Amino acid sequence: MKIDKAEARKTTVQLLKYGVIGVSNTLITLVAFYLLNTLAGWPYGIANVIGYILGLINSFVWNRNWVFKTKNDLKREAILFGCGFLLCYTLQGLVSWFLLEGLGWKDMGEISWLPMKNTGQNIVMVIAMVFYTLANYVYNRVVTFKEKK
């Protein structure tokens, strides 16, 4: 199988850009979650949903216009993007539930070198985000922003 160098370069650049957007989404989501859950005392689920919605809006705009550079039907892509979000967010929720409730990390005590309350919840949030991010990239690459041949 021969690898097209131009396509490989394009994919590499796309992955790097997706990573940059992913980092910005992660920061937006984590900051919102930390502010709402840890500082304001809002429940995990509500803080999590709001953080992800803010990251979702950021992600769609940047991925459509900078990473995948599509000119396809905006409404169709937005719907597919939202469906991908729901699918991947469900995966994130299942991972969170398993770690928080199944393994009991919800009741994890404070860690002396981490200056935060709700240590277990914050750690679970980061782990679950990894699952979400990987699944979301694959979905968007293959479904939402698929190039039309």
N, C-alpha and C. Protein backbone atom coordinates (compact mmCIF):
# COMPACT_ATOMS: atom_id res chain seq x y z
N MET A 1 0.84 -1.18 0.00
CA MET A 1 0.00 0.00 0.00
C MET A 1 0.89 1.24 0.00
N LYS A 2 0.66 2.10 -0.97
CA LYS A 2 1.45 3.32 -1.10
C LYS A 2 0.77 4.46 -0.35
N ILE A 3 1.57 5.18 0.44
CA ILE A 3 1.04 6.30 1.22
C ILE A 3 1.27 7.59 0.44
N ASP A 4 0.20 8.32 0.23
CA ASP A 4 0.27 9.61 -0.44
C ASP A 4 0.85 10.62 0.54
N LYS A 5 2.02 11.16 0.23
CA LYS A 5 2.71 12.08 1.15
C LYS A 5 1.89 13.34 1.41
N ALA A 6 1.24 13.84 0.38
CA ALA A 6 0.44 15.06 0.56
C ALA A 6 -0.73 14.80 1.51
N GLU A 7 -1.37 13.63 1.37
CA GLU A 7 -2.50 13.30 2.24
C GLU A 7 -2.02 13.06 3.67
N ALA A 8 -0.86 12.42 3.81
CA ALA A 8 -0.29 12.18 5.14
C ALA A 8 0.04 13.50 5.82
N ARG A 9 0.61 14.43 5.07
CA ARG A 9 0.94 15.75 5.63
C ARG A 9 -0.33 16.49 6.05
N LYS A 10 -1.34 16.44 5.18
CA LYS A 10 -2.62 17.10 5.49
C LYS A 10 -3.24 16.53 6.77
N THR A 11 -3.21 15.22 6.90
CA THR A 11 -3.77 14.57 8.08
C THR A 11 -2.98 14.95 9.33
N THR A 12 -1.66 14.99 9.21
CA THR A 12 -0.82 15.36 10.35
C THR A 12 -1.12 16.78 10.81
N VAL A 13 -1.20 17.71 9.87
CA VAL A 13 -1.52 19.10 10.20
C VAL A 13 -2.90 19.18 10.84
N GLN A 14 -3.84 18.43 10.27
CA GLN A 14 -5.20 18.41 10.80
C GLN A 14 -5.22 17.89 12.24
N LEU A 15 -4.49 16.83 12.50
CA LEU A 15 -4.42 16.27 13.85
C LEU A 15 -3.80 17.26 14.83
N LEU A 16 -2.77 17.96 14.40
CA LEU A 16 -2.14 18.97 15.27
C LEU A 16 -3.11 20.09 15.59
N LYS A 17 -3.83 20.56 14.58
CA LYS A 17 -4.82 21.62 14.81
C LYS A 17 -5.94 21.12 15.73
N TYR A 18 -6.38 19.88 15.48
CA TYR A 18 -7.42 19.30 16.33
C TYR A 18 -6.94 19.24 17.78
N GLY A 19 -5.67 18.93 17.94
CA GLY A 19 -5.09 18.89 19.28
C GLY A 19 -5.11 20.25 19.95
N VAL A 20 -4.79 21.30 19.19
CA VAL A 20 -4.81 22.66 19.74
C VAL A 20 -6.24 23.02 20.18
N ILE A 21 -7.20 22.71 19.33
CA ILE A 21 -8.60 22.99 19.68
C ILE A 21 -9.00 22.14 20.88
N GLY A 22 -8.55 20.90 20.90
CA GLY A 22 -8.85 20.03 22.02
C GLY A 22 -8.32 20.58 23.34
N VAL A 23 -7.12 21.13 23.30
CA VAL A 23 -6.54 21.73 24.50
C VAL A 23 -7.38 22.93 24.94
N SER A 24 -7.77 23.77 23.97
CA SER A 24 -8.59 24.94 24.35
C SER A 24 -9.94 24.50 24.90
N ASN A 25 -10.55 23.46 24.30
CA ASN A 25 -11.82 22.94 24.81
C ASN A 25 -11.66 22.39 26.22
N THR A 26 -10.57 21.66 26.40
CA THR A 26 -10.30 21.08 27.71
C THR A 26 -10.14 22.16 28.76
N LEU A 27 -9.39 23.20 28.43
CA LEU A 27 -9.20 24.29 29.37
C LEU A 27 -10.52 24.99 29.69
N ILE A 28 -11.30 25.26 28.66
CA ILE A 28 -12.60 25.91 28.86
C ILE A 28 -13.48 25.03 29.76
N THR A 29 -13.55 23.74 29.44
CA THR A 29 -14.39 22.81 30.22
C THR A 29 -13.90 22.68 31.66
N LEU A 30 -12.59 22.50 31.82
CA LEU A 30 -12.04 22.33 33.17
C LEU A 30 -12.19 23.59 34.02
N VAL A 31 -11.93 24.74 33.43
CA VAL A 31 -12.06 25.99 34.18
C VAL A 31 -13.51 26.20 34.60
N ALA A 32 -14.43 25.98 33.66
CA ALA A 32 -15.85 26.13 33.99
C ALA A 32 -16.25 25.14 35.09
N PHE A 33 -15.82 23.88 34.94
CA PHE A 33 -16.13 22.86 35.94
C PHE A 33 -15.55 23.24 37.31
N TYR A 34 -14.31 23.65 37.33
CA TYR A 34 -13.65 24.01 38.59
C TYR A 34 -14.35 25.20 39.26
N LEU A 35 -14.65 26.23 38.47
CA LEU A 35 -15.31 27.41 39.02
C LEU A 35 -16.69 27.06 39.58
N LEU A 36 -17.45 26.27 38.81
CA LEU A 36 -18.82 25.96 39.22
C LEU A 36 -18.88 24.89 40.31
N ASN A 37 -18.09 23.82 40.18
CA ASN A 37 -18.15 22.72 41.14
C ASN A 37 -17.35 23.01 42.39
N THR A 38 -16.11 23.35 42.22
CA THR A 38 -15.21 23.48 43.37
C THR A 38 -15.40 24.80 44.09
N LEU A 39 -15.45 25.90 43.37
CA LEU A 39 -15.55 27.20 44.03
C LEU A 39 -16.99 27.59 44.37
N ALA A 40 -17.92 27.36 43.43
CA ALA A 40 -19.30 27.77 43.68
C ALA A 40 -20.13 26.68 44.37
N GLY A 41 -19.61 25.45 44.39
CA GLY A 41 -20.31 24.37 45.08
C GLY A 41 -21.46 23.74 44.32
N TRP A 42 -21.52 23.97 43.00
CA TRP A 42 -22.59 23.37 42.20
C TRP A 42 -22.36 21.87 42.10
N PRO A 43 -23.41 21.09 41.91
CA PRO A 43 -23.27 19.63 41.77
C PRO A 43 -22.42 19.25 40.55
N TYR A 44 -21.76 18.10 40.66
CA TYR A 44 -20.88 17.59 39.60
C TYR A 44 -21.57 17.61 38.24
N GLY A 45 -22.76 17.03 38.15
CA GLY A 45 -23.45 16.89 36.88
C GLY A 45 -23.75 18.21 36.20
N ILE A 46 -24.22 19.19 36.94
CA ILE A 46 -24.55 20.49 36.36
C ILE A 46 -23.29 21.21 35.90
N ALA A 47 -22.27 21.21 36.74
CA ALA A 47 -21.01 21.85 36.37
C ALA A 47 -20.40 21.18 35.15
N ASN A 48 -20.51 19.87 35.09
CA ASN A 48 -19.97 19.11 33.97
C ASN A 48 -20.69 19.46 32.67
N VAL A 49 -22.01 19.49 32.69
CA VAL A 49 -22.81 19.81 31.49
C VAL A 49 -22.48 21.22 30.98
N ILE A 50 -22.45 22.19 31.86
CA ILE A 50 -22.15 23.57 31.44
C ILE A 50 -20.76 23.67 30.86
N GLY A 51 -19.78 23.04 31.49
CA GLY A 51 -18.42 23.05 30.96
C GLY A 51 -18.35 22.45 29.57
N TYR A 52 -19.01 21.33 29.37
CA TYR A 52 -19.00 20.69 28.06
C TYR A 52 -19.73 21.50 27.00
N ILE A 53 -20.81 22.15 27.36
CA ILE A 53 -21.53 22.98 26.38
C ILE A 53 -20.64 24.13 25.91
N LEU A 54 -19.94 24.77 26.84
CA LEU A 54 -19.03 25.85 26.45
C LEU A 54 -17.91 25.32 25.55
N GLY A 55 -17.37 24.17 25.89
CA GLY A 55 -16.35 23.55 25.05
C GLY A 55 -16.90 23.14 23.69
N LEU A 56 -18.13 22.68 23.67
CA LEU A 56 -18.78 22.25 22.42
C LEU A 56 -18.92 23.40 21.43
N ILE A 57 -19.37 24.52 21.91
CA ILE A 57 -19.52 25.69 21.03
C ILE A 57 -18.17 26.10 20.47
N ASN A 58 -17.18 26.20 21.32
CA ASN A 58 -15.83 26.54 20.90
C ASN A 58 -15.32 25.53 19.86
N SER A 59 -15.53 24.26 20.14
CA SER A 59 -15.04 23.19 19.27
C SER A 59 -15.67 23.23 17.88
N PHE A 60 -16.98 23.38 17.80
CA PHE A 60 -17.64 23.38 16.50
C PHE A 60 -17.13 24.52 15.62
N VAL A 61 -17.09 25.71 16.18
CA VAL A 61 -16.66 26.88 15.39
C VAL A 61 -15.24 26.68 14.87
N TRP A 62 -14.32 26.31 15.74
CA TRP A 62 -12.92 26.17 15.32
C TRP A 62 -12.69 24.96 14.43
N ASN A 63 -13.31 23.82 14.73
CA ASN A 63 -13.12 22.64 13.89
C ASN A 63 -13.68 22.84 12.50
N ARG A 64 -14.83 23.44 12.40
CA ARG A 64 -15.43 23.65 11.08
C ARG A 64 -14.62 24.63 10.24
N ASN A 65 -14.14 25.69 10.86
CA ASN A 65 -13.51 26.77 10.10
C ASN A 65 -11.99 26.67 10.01
N TRP A 66 -11.34 26.00 10.94
CA TRP A 66 -9.88 25.99 10.95
C TRP A 66 -9.28 24.59 10.75
N VAL A 67 -9.84 23.60 11.43
CA VAL A 67 -9.27 22.25 11.36
C VAL A 67 -9.69 21.54 10.08
N PHE A 68 -11.00 21.37 9.89
CA PHE A 68 -11.48 20.61 8.75
C PHE A 68 -11.82 21.49 7.54
N LYS A 69 -11.96 22.78 7.76
CA LYS A 69 -12.21 23.78 6.70
C LYS A 69 -13.29 23.34 5.72
N THR A 70 -14.44 23.01 6.26
CA THR A 70 -15.52 22.54 5.40
C THR A 70 -16.42 23.69 4.98
N LYS A 71 -17.00 23.50 3.83
CA LYS A 71 -17.99 24.45 3.31
C LYS A 71 -19.30 23.71 3.08
N ASN A 72 -19.45 22.58 3.76
CA ASN A 72 -20.67 21.78 3.64
C ASN A 72 -21.81 22.50 4.34
N ASP A 73 -22.99 21.90 4.27
CA ASP A 73 -24.19 22.47 4.86
C ASP A 73 -24.01 22.67 6.37
N LEU A 74 -24.06 23.93 6.80
CA LEU A 74 -23.83 24.29 8.21
C LEU A 74 -24.81 23.57 9.14
N LYS A 75 -26.09 23.59 8.77
CA LYS A 75 -27.12 22.98 9.62
C LYS A 75 -26.86 21.48 9.77
N ARG A 76 -26.56 20.79 8.67
CA ARG A 76 -26.29 19.36 8.71
C ARG A 76 -25.08 19.07 9.60
N GLU A 77 -24.01 19.83 9.42
CA GLU A 77 -22.82 19.61 10.23
C GLU A 77 -23.07 19.90 11.71
N ALA A 78 -23.84 20.94 11.97
CA ALA A 78 -24.15 21.27 13.37
C ALA A 78 -24.95 20.14 14.02
N ILE A 79 -25.90 19.58 13.29
CA ILE A 79 -26.70 18.47 13.82
C ILE A 79 -25.82 17.24 14.04
N LEU A 80 -24.99 16.90 13.05
CA LEU A 80 -24.09 15.75 13.20
C LEU A 80 -23.11 15.98 14.36
N PHE A 81 -22.61 17.20 14.47
CA PHE A 81 -21.68 17.53 15.54
C PHE A 81 -22.36 17.36 16.90
N GLY A 82 -23.60 17.84 16.99
CA GLY A 82 -24.36 17.69 18.22
C GLY A 82 -24.63 16.23 18.55
N CYS A 83 -24.95 15.43 17.53
CA CYS A 83 -25.17 13.99 17.76
C CYS A 83 -23.88 13.32 18.23
N GLY A 84 -22.77 13.69 17.63
CA GLY A 84 -21.48 13.15 18.05
C GLY A 84 -21.17 13.55 19.48
N PHE A 85 -21.49 14.78 19.81
CA PHE A 85 -21.30 15.25 21.18
C PHE A 85 -22.10 14.38 22.15
N LEU A 86 -23.38 14.17 21.83
CA LEU A 86 -24.24 13.39 22.73
C LEU A 86 -23.72 11.96 22.89
N LEU A 87 -23.30 11.37 21.80
CA LEU A 87 -22.76 10.01 21.85
C LEU A 87 -21.50 9.96 22.72
N CYS A 88 -20.58 10.87 22.45
CA CYS A 88 -19.31 10.87 23.19
C CYS A 88 -19.49 11.35 24.63
N TYR A 89 -20.43 12.26 24.83
CA TYR A 89 -20.71 12.72 26.19
C TYR A 89 -21.32 11.58 27.02
N THR A 90 -22.15 10.76 26.37
CA THR A 90 -22.70 9.59 27.05
C THR A 90 -21.56 8.66 27.48
N LEU A 91 -20.61 8.44 26.59
CA LEU A 91 -19.43 7.63 26.94
C LEU A 91 -18.69 8.25 28.12
N GLN A 92 -18.50 9.56 28.08
CA GLN A 92 -17.84 10.26 29.18
C GLN A 92 -18.62 10.09 30.47
N GLY A 93 -19.93 10.15 30.39
CA GLY A 93 -20.77 9.99 31.57
C GLY A 93 -20.68 8.58 32.16
N LEU A 94 -20.63 7.59 31.28
CA LEU A 94 -20.50 6.21 31.75
C LEU A 94 -19.15 5.98 32.43
N VAL A 95 -18.10 6.54 31.85
CA VAL A 95 -16.77 6.42 32.46
C VAL A 95 -16.78 7.13 33.81
N SER A 96 -17.36 8.33 33.87
CA SER A 96 -17.44 9.08 35.14
C SER A 96 -18.21 8.29 36.18
N TRP A 97 -19.37 7.77 35.79
CA TRP A 97 -20.19 7.01 36.73
C TRP A 97 -19.42 5.81 37.27
N PHE A 98 -18.77 5.07 36.36
CA PHE A 98 -18.02 3.89 36.78
C PHE A 98 -16.93 4.24 37.79
N LEU A 99 -16.19 5.31 37.51
CA LEU A 99 -15.10 5.69 38.41
C LEU A 99 -15.63 6.28 39.73
N LEU A 100 -16.64 7.14 39.63
CA LEU A 100 -17.17 7.79 40.84
C LEU A 100 -17.95 6.82 41.72
N GLU A 101 -18.87 6.09 41.12
CA GLU A 101 -19.76 5.23 41.89
C GLU A 101 -19.25 3.79 41.96
N GLY A 102 -18.85 3.26 40.82
CA GLY A 102 -18.41 1.87 40.77
C GLY A 102 -17.13 1.62 41.56
N LEU A 103 -16.15 2.50 41.39
CA LEU A 103 -14.88 2.34 42.09
C LEU A 103 -14.79 3.19 43.36
N GLY A 104 -15.79 4.04 43.59
CA GLY A 104 -15.85 4.81 44.83
C GLY A 104 -14.93 6.03 44.89
N TRP A 105 -14.52 6.54 43.75
CA TRP A 105 -13.62 7.69 43.76
C TRP A 105 -14.32 8.97 44.20
N LYS A 106 -15.64 8.95 44.22
CA LYS A 106 -16.41 10.12 44.64
C LYS A 106 -16.03 10.52 46.07
N ASP A 107 -15.76 9.53 46.89
CA ASP A 107 -15.46 9.77 48.29
C ASP A 107 -13.96 9.82 48.58
N MET A 108 -13.17 10.00 47.53
CA MET A 108 -11.72 10.09 47.71
C MET A 108 -11.41 11.29 48.60
N GLY A 109 -10.57 11.10 49.55
CA GLY A 109 -10.18 12.20 50.43
C GLY A 109 -9.30 13.20 49.69
N GLU A 110 -9.00 14.28 50.35
CA GLU A 110 -8.12 15.28 49.75
C GLU A 110 -6.70 14.75 49.69
N ILE A 111 -5.99 15.17 48.66
CA ILE A 111 -4.58 14.83 48.49
C ILE A 111 -3.78 16.06 48.89
N SER A 112 -2.84 15.89 49.80
CA SER A 112 -2.16 17.03 50.42
C SER A 112 -1.51 17.98 49.41
N TRP A 113 -0.97 17.46 48.32
CA TRP A 113 -0.27 18.34 47.38
C TRP A 113 -1.20 18.89 46.30
N LEU A 114 -2.50 18.54 46.34
CA LEU A 114 -3.48 19.10 45.42
C LEU A 114 -4.40 20.03 46.20
N PRO A 115 -4.27 21.32 46.00
CA PRO A 115 -5.07 22.28 46.78
C PRO A 115 -6.49 22.41 46.24
N MET A 116 -7.30 21.36 46.44
CA MET A 116 -8.68 21.44 45.96
C MET A 116 -9.60 20.57 46.79
N LYS A 117 -10.86 20.95 46.76
CA LYS A 117 -11.91 20.11 47.33
C LYS A 117 -12.35 19.17 46.21
N ASN A 118 -13.14 18.17 46.55
CA ASN A 118 -13.68 17.26 45.55
C ASN A 118 -12.59 16.65 44.66
N THR A 119 -11.51 16.23 45.28
CA THR A 119 -10.35 15.73 44.54
C THR A 119 -10.74 14.60 43.58
N GLY A 120 -11.47 13.63 44.07
CA GLY A 120 -11.86 12.50 43.23
C GLY A 120 -12.66 12.93 42.03
N GLN A 121 -13.58 13.86 42.23
CA GLN A 121 -14.41 14.33 41.12
C GLN A 121 -13.57 15.05 40.07
N ASN A 122 -12.60 15.83 40.50
CA ASN A 122 -11.74 16.54 39.55
C ASN A 122 -10.85 15.56 38.78
N ILE A 123 -10.32 14.55 39.45
CA ILE A 123 -9.48 13.55 38.78
C ILE A 123 -10.32 12.75 37.78
N VAL A 124 -11.51 12.35 38.17
CA VAL A 124 -12.41 11.61 37.28
C VAL A 124 -12.75 12.45 36.05
N MET A 125 -12.96 13.72 36.25
CA MET A 125 -13.29 14.61 35.12
C MET A 125 -12.18 14.55 34.07
N VAL A 126 -10.95 14.60 34.48
CA VAL A 126 -9.83 14.58 33.53
C VAL A 126 -9.75 13.23 32.81
N ILE A 127 -9.87 12.14 33.54
CA ILE A 127 -9.81 10.81 32.93
C ILE A 127 -10.94 10.63 31.91
N ALA A 128 -12.14 11.01 32.29
CA ALA A 128 -13.29 10.86 31.40
C ALA A 128 -13.15 11.73 30.16
N MET A 129 -12.50 12.87 30.29
CA MET A 129 -12.29 13.75 29.14
C MET A 129 -11.40 13.10 28.09
N VAL A 130 -10.45 12.30 28.52
CA VAL A 130 -9.59 11.60 27.56
C VAL A 130 -10.44 10.66 26.70
N PHE A 131 -11.32 9.90 27.34
CA PHE A 131 -12.20 9.01 26.58
C PHE A 131 -13.08 9.81 25.62
N TYR A 132 -13.64 10.88 26.10
CA TYR A 132 -14.50 11.73 25.28
C TYR A 132 -13.75 12.27 24.07
N THR A 133 -12.56 12.80 24.29
CA THR A 133 -11.79 13.45 23.23
C THR A 133 -11.43 12.47 22.12
N LEU A 134 -10.95 11.31 22.48
CA LEU A 134 -10.57 10.32 21.46
C LEU A 134 -11.78 9.87 20.64
N ALA A 135 -12.87 9.57 21.30
CA ALA A 135 -14.07 9.14 20.60
C ALA A 135 -14.61 10.26 19.72
N ASN A 136 -14.56 11.48 20.21
CA ASN A 136 -15.09 12.62 19.47
C ASN A 136 -14.28 12.92 18.22
N TYR A 137 -12.96 12.80 18.30
CA TYR A 137 -12.13 13.02 17.11
C TYR A 137 -12.49 12.03 16.02
N VAL A 138 -12.56 10.76 16.37
CA VAL A 138 -12.86 9.72 15.38
C VAL A 138 -14.24 9.99 14.75
N TYR A 139 -15.22 10.29 15.56
CA TYR A 139 -16.56 10.56 15.05
C TYR A 139 -16.56 11.76 14.08
N ASN A 140 -15.95 12.86 14.49
CA ASN A 140 -15.96 14.05 13.64
C ASN A 140 -15.18 13.86 12.36
N ARG A 141 -14.09 13.15 12.43
CA ARG A 141 -13.27 12.90 11.24
C ARG A 141 -14.03 12.03 10.24
N VAL A 142 -14.73 11.02 10.75
CA VAL A 142 -15.38 10.04 9.88
C VAL A 142 -16.81 10.44 9.50
N VAL A 143 -17.50 11.17 10.38
CA VAL A 143 -18.91 11.47 10.14
C VAL A 143 -19.17 12.95 9.87
N THR A 144 -18.93 13.80 10.85
CA THR A 144 -19.36 15.20 10.76
C THR A 144 -18.67 15.98 9.65
N PHE A 145 -17.36 15.95 9.63
CA PHE A 145 -16.60 16.76 8.69
C PHE A 145 -15.96 15.92 7.58
N LYS A 146 -16.60 14.83 7.25
CA LYS A 146 -16.10 13.93 6.20
C LYS A 146 -16.04 14.69 4.88
N GLU A 147 -14.90 14.56 4.21
CA GLU A 147 -14.75 15.23 2.92
C GLU A 147 -15.59 14.53 1.87
N LYS A 148 -16.26 15.33 1.07
CA LYS A 148 -17.05 14.77 -0.03
C LYS A 148 -16.12 14.55 -1.20
N LYS A 149 -16.19 13.35 -1.75
CA LYS A 149 -15.32 13.00 -2.88
C LYS A 149 -15.96 13.39 -4.17
